[in-house]
Amino acid sequence: MSQLMVELTVVFNKQSRCFLICLISFLMLSWEARSTSARENILVIHSYHPELSWTQHTKTGIDQGFEKLDREVEVFHEFLDSKRYPESHYDSTFFKYLREKYRHTPIDVLMVGDDPGLDLILQHRHSFLPDVPLVFFGINHVRESLLESNGITGVFETHQSIETLLEAVRQNNSEGIIVIGDSTSTSVAHRKEIEGVQDLPDAPEEVIVSIDLGSENIKEVIAPYPGAVGPTT
């Protein structure tokens, strides 16, 4: 049975515009069936594609964080790409790929970014690296089950969707707002929150929600609304 103490520090670097996610203060005791090599392997699963700016920043931050450690660490990055491929059968294919690829690679820490990837890993936690410490980041909603789980730690995000929407309406002195989202679990959660905005006294007269628009369709949708400003979710 492995015992691992992890201190998680998140720092926003304004100069490089990236999050530095540093895992420090490793304490390894009684690591059974571990390689004789001193190298430690970190597997990072990103929910979105590597070209996305958020993914790029977190990857850079993680790599820079581990580079600052005085120990030999190899970081493996994998990308679920759930924004472009949200179908459940693709998740299953991706999981099979992970399980086969890392079948013979000893992983010391598993890191997962954002809700889609975490949902997938938790679904298969019993069969995929069940005894490996799990560190999550970029998770949108606090989950009591995660707080109470052994071997799991991480960072939750807090979003103020309603406040952001109302401020956009106020600054633009507009009567309505267009919200453009997708089918990911993150976007669905934000939309459910935004749906309640019209019950507020200072709500815009109209809230238009469009889902899964391609770049070629966005202009067509907002064209009837000159000067439209629509936050994405």
Protein backbone atom coordinates (compact mmCIF):
# COMPACT_ATOMS: atom_id res chain seq x y z
CA MET A 1 0.00 0.00 0.00
CA SER A 2 1.45 3.38 -0.95
CA GLN A 3 1.35 6.48 1.16
CA LEU A 4 1.81 9.82 -0.54
CA MET A 5 1.52 13.28 0.94
CA VAL A 6 0.94 15.98 -1.64
CA GLU A 7 0.90 19.72 -1.13
CA LEU A 8 -0.92 21.44 -4.00
CA THR A 9 -0.09 25.06 -4.74
CA VAL A 10 -1.76 27.12 -7.48
CA VAL A 11 -0.17 30.38 -8.55
CA PHE A 12 -1.26 32.64 -11.38
CA ASN A 13 1.77 33.96 -13.25
CA LYS A 14 0.75 37.28 -14.80
CA GLN A 15 3.85 37.54 -16.93
CA SER A 16 3.52 34.20 -18.70
CA ARG A 17 -0.30 34.16 -18.41
CA CYS A 18 -0.37 30.61 -17.19
CA PHE A 19 -1.28 28.74 -14.07
CA LEU A 20 1.63 27.24 -12.22
CA ILE A 21 0.35 24.09 -10.63
CA CYS A 22 3.08 22.78 -8.42
CA LEU A 23 3.10 19.50 -6.61
CA ILE A 24 5.68 19.67 -3.87
CA SER A 25 6.66 17.96 -0.64
CA PHE A 26 6.41 14.37 -1.82
CA LEU A 27 6.75 11.80 0.92
CA MET A 28 6.90 8.22 -0.38
CA LEU A 29 6.65 5.33 2.06
CA SER A 30 6.27 1.58 1.47
CA TRP A 31 5.65 1.83 -2.27
CA GLU A 32 4.95 -1.75 -3.23
CA ALA A 33 5.67 -3.16 -6.67
CA ARG A 34 7.43 0.05 -7.64
CA SER A 35 10.25 0.30 -10.14
CA THR A 36 13.77 0.44 -8.72
CA SER A 37 14.29 3.64 -10.71
CA ALA A 38 14.16 6.89 -8.73
CA ARG A 39 12.13 8.50 -11.50
CA GLU A 40 8.53 9.34 -10.67
CA ASN A 41 5.87 9.19 -13.36
CA ILE A 42 2.99 11.67 -13.43
CA LEU A 43 0.02 11.09 -15.73
CA VAL A 44 -2.02 14.19 -16.55
CA ILE A 45 -5.39 13.83 -18.27
CA HIS A 46 -6.74 17.03 -19.82
CA SER A 47 -10.44 17.16 -20.69
CA TYR A 48 -9.97 19.32 -23.77
CA HIS A 49 -7.79 19.43 -26.89
CA PRO A 50 -4.18 20.69 -26.67
CA GLU A 51 -4.81 23.67 -28.99
CA LEU A 52 -7.27 25.22 -26.51
CA SER A 53 -5.62 28.14 -24.69
CA TRP A 54 -6.82 26.90 -21.27
CA THR A 55 -5.27 23.49 -21.93
CA GLN A 56 -2.04 25.06 -23.16
CA HIS A 57 -1.75 27.22 -20.04
CA THR A 58 -2.40 24.40 -17.59
CA LYS A 59 0.02 22.08 -19.40
CA THR A 60 2.71 24.75 -19.34
CA GLY A 61 2.05 25.45 -15.68
CA ILE A 62 2.25 21.80 -14.70
CA ASP A 63 5.48 21.26 -16.65
CA GLN A 64 7.07 24.39 -15.17
CA GLY A 65 5.97 23.39 -11.69
CA PHE A 66 7.60 19.98 -11.87
CA GLU A 67 10.74 21.44 -13.43
CA LYS A 68 11.22 23.44 -10.23
CA LEU A 69 11.36 20.27 -8.14
CA ASP A 70 14.71 18.80 -7.22
CA ARG A 71 13.77 15.28 -8.30
CA GLU A 72 13.52 13.22 -11.46
CA VAL A 73 9.95 13.42 -12.77
CA GLU A 74 8.49 12.41 -16.12
CA VAL A 75 5.11 13.91 -17.01
CA PHE A 76 2.79 12.20 -19.49
CA HIS A 77 0.00 14.36 -20.96
CA GLU A 78 -3.18 12.92 -22.52
CA PHE A 79 -6.10 14.84 -24.03
CA LEU A 80 -9.72 13.69 -23.91
CA ASP A 81 -10.84 16.39 -26.40
CA SER A 82 -14.39 16.33 -25.03
CA LYS A 83 -15.44 19.69 -26.46
CA ARG A 84 -15.03 18.42 -30.01
CA TYR A 85 -16.02 14.82 -29.28
CA PRO A 86 -18.59 14.79 -26.44
CA GLU A 87 -20.10 11.43 -27.40
CA SER A 88 -20.09 8.77 -24.68
CA HIS A 89 -18.74 6.08 -26.99
CA TYR A 90 -15.65 8.21 -27.61
CA ASP A 91 -15.08 8.40 -23.84
CA SER A 92 -15.12 4.61 -23.74
CA THR A 93 -12.61 4.42 -26.59
CA PHE A 94 -10.34 6.95 -24.89
CA PHE A 95 -10.43 5.04 -21.62
CA LYS A 96 -9.50 1.78 -23.35
CA TYR A 97 -6.59 3.61 -24.98
CA LEU A 98 -5.37 4.88 -21.59
CA ARG A 99 -5.66 1.51 -19.93
CA GLU A 100 -3.72 -0.24 -22.70
CA LYS A 101 -1.04 2.45 -23.10
CA TYR A 102 -0.18 2.66 -19.40
CA ARG A 103 -0.66 -1.00 -18.57
CA HIS A 104 3.06 -1.48 -17.92
CA THR A 105 3.97 2.06 -16.85
CA PRO A 106 4.14 2.62 -13.08
CA ILE A 107 2.24 5.85 -12.35
CA ASP A 108 2.95 7.65 -9.08
CA VAL A 109 0.39 10.47 -9.32
CA LEU A 110 -2.67 10.86 -11.56
CA MET A 111 -3.76 14.44 -12.33
CA VAL A 112 -7.07 15.24 -14.06
CA GLY A 113 -8.17 18.62 -15.37
CA ASP A 114 -11.80 19.75 -15.69
CA ASP A 115 -15.11 17.95 -15.21
CA PRO A 116 -15.39 15.65 -18.27
CA GLY A 117 -12.04 13.99 -17.62
CA LEU A 118 -12.67 13.66 -13.90
CA ASP A 119 -16.10 12.14 -14.50
CA LEU A 120 -14.53 9.54 -16.79
CA ILE A 121 -11.74 8.64 -14.38
CA LEU A 122 -14.06 8.41 -11.37
CA GLN A 123 -16.36 6.14 -13.36
CA HIS A 124 -13.46 3.71 -13.85
CA ARG A 125 -11.52 4.48 -10.67
CA HIS A 126 -11.97 0.94 -9.38
CA SER A 127 -10.16 -0.54 -12.40
CA PHE A 128 -7.76 2.21 -13.52
CA LEU A 129 -4.95 3.12 -11.11
CA PRO A 130 -7.21 2.66 -8.06
CA ASP A 131 -4.34 2.95 -5.55
CA VAL A 132 -2.63 5.92 -7.20
CA PRO A 133 -3.19 9.36 -5.59
CA LEU A 134 -5.55 11.48 -7.71
CA VAL A 135 -5.16 15.27 -7.97
CA PHE A 136 -7.91 17.22 -9.76
CA PHE A 137 -7.97 20.83 -10.97
CA GLY A 138 -10.34 23.08 -12.90
CA ILE A 139 -13.44 21.41 -11.45
CA ASN A 140 -16.47 23.68 -11.61
CA HIS A 141 -18.59 22.51 -8.71
CA VAL A 142 -17.62 21.40 -5.23
CA ARG A 143 -18.48 17.74 -4.74
CA GLU A 144 -18.82 16.48 -1.20
CA SER A 145 -17.94 12.97 -2.34
CA LEU A 146 -14.51 14.17 -3.49
CA LEU A 147 -13.86 15.98 -0.24
CA GLU A 148 -14.57 12.80 1.69
CA SER A 149 -12.57 10.44 -0.55
CA ASN A 150 -9.22 9.04 0.53
CA GLY A 151 -6.32 9.50 -1.86
CA ILE A 152 -8.03 12.35 -3.73
CA THR A 153 -7.28 16.07 -3.47
CA GLY A 154 -7.39 19.11 -5.73
CA VAL A 155 -8.72 22.55 -6.59
CA PHE A 156 -12.28 23.59 -7.38
CA GLU A 157 -13.17 26.60 -9.52
CA THR A 158 -15.91 29.06 -8.69
CA HIS A 159 -17.75 30.86 -11.48
CA GLN A 160 -20.17 33.74 -11.16
CA SER A 161 -22.16 33.19 -14.34
CA ILE A 162 -25.19 35.25 -13.32
CA GLU A 163 -23.13 38.19 -12.08
CA THR A 164 -21.03 38.16 -15.27
CA LEU A 165 -24.12 38.09 -17.47
CA LEU A 166 -25.83 40.96 -15.64
CA GLU A 167 -22.66 43.05 -15.72
CA ALA A 168 -22.35 42.51 -19.49
CA VAL A 169 -25.93 43.70 -19.93
CA ARG A 170 -25.32 46.73 -17.71
CA GLN A 171 -22.10 47.80 -19.42
CA ASN A 172 -23.62 47.51 -22.89
CA ASN A 173 -26.96 49.02 -21.87
CA SER A 174 -28.63 46.18 -23.77
CA GLU A 175 -32.10 44.69 -23.56
CA GLY A 176 -31.01 41.12 -24.19
CA ILE A 177 -28.04 38.82 -24.34
CA ILE A 178 -26.90 35.87 -26.46
CA VAL A 179 -25.21 32.93 -24.74
CA ILE A 180 -23.24 30.55 -26.96
CA GLY A 181 -22.35 27.19 -25.44
CA ASP A 182 -21.73 23.54 -26.26
CA SER A 183 -22.83 20.11 -25.06
CA THR A 184 -20.07 19.53 -22.51
CA SER A 185 -21.03 18.97 -18.88
CA THR A 186 -19.40 22.28 -17.93
CA SER A 187 -21.47 24.25 -20.42
CA VAL A 188 -24.67 22.44 -19.45
CA ALA A 189 -24.08 23.34 -15.79
CA HIS A 190 -23.52 26.99 -16.67
CA ARG A 191 -26.67 27.12 -18.81
CA LYS A 192 -28.80 25.72 -16.00
CA GLU A 193 -27.53 28.51 -13.78
CA ILE A 194 -28.11 31.16 -16.43
CA GLU A 195 -31.69 30.00 -17.04
CA GLY A 196 -32.61 31.42 -13.65
CA VAL A 197 -31.48 34.94 -14.51
CA GLN A 198 -34.87 36.00 -15.85
CA ASP A 199 -36.37 35.60 -12.39
CA LEU A 200 -34.20 38.46 -11.13
CA PRO A 201 -35.50 42.06 -11.00
CA ASP A 202 -32.61 43.44 -13.10
CA ALA A 203 -32.70 40.65 -15.69
CA PRO A 204 -32.45 41.41 -19.42
CA GLU A 205 -35.69 41.25 -21.39
CA GLU A 206 -34.42 38.41 -23.56
CA VAL A 207 -31.84 35.65 -23.11
CA ILE A 208 -31.02 33.69 -26.27
CA VAL A 209 -29.10 30.43 -25.87
CA SER A 210 -27.43 28.72 -28.83
CA ILE A 211 -25.71 25.35 -28.54
CA ASP A 212 -22.90 23.68 -30.51
CA LEU A 213 -22.47 26.36 -33.14
CA GLY A 214 -19.63 26.02 -35.59
CA SER A 215 -17.56 29.08 -36.43
CA GLU A 216 -19.45 29.38 -39.70
CA ASN A 217 -22.82 29.48 -37.90
CA ILE A 218 -22.12 32.04 -35.19
CA LYS A 219 -22.25 35.03 -37.55
CA GLU A 220 -25.54 33.79 -38.97
CA VAL A 221 -27.11 33.47 -35.53
CA ILE A 222 -26.08 36.88 -34.20
CA ALA A 223 -26.56 38.78 -37.48
CA PRO A 224 -30.18 39.77 -36.66
CA TYR A 225 -28.91 41.50 -33.52
CA PRO A 226 -26.63 44.41 -34.50
CA GLY A 227 -23.98 45.11 -31.90
CA ALA A 228 -24.68 41.83 -30.13
CA VAL A 229 -22.25 40.72 -27.45
CA GLY A 230 -22.58 37.11 -26.37
CA PRO A 231 -20.42 35.44 -23.73
CA THR A 232 -19.49 31.84 -24.37
CA THR A 233 -19.95 29.13 -21.74
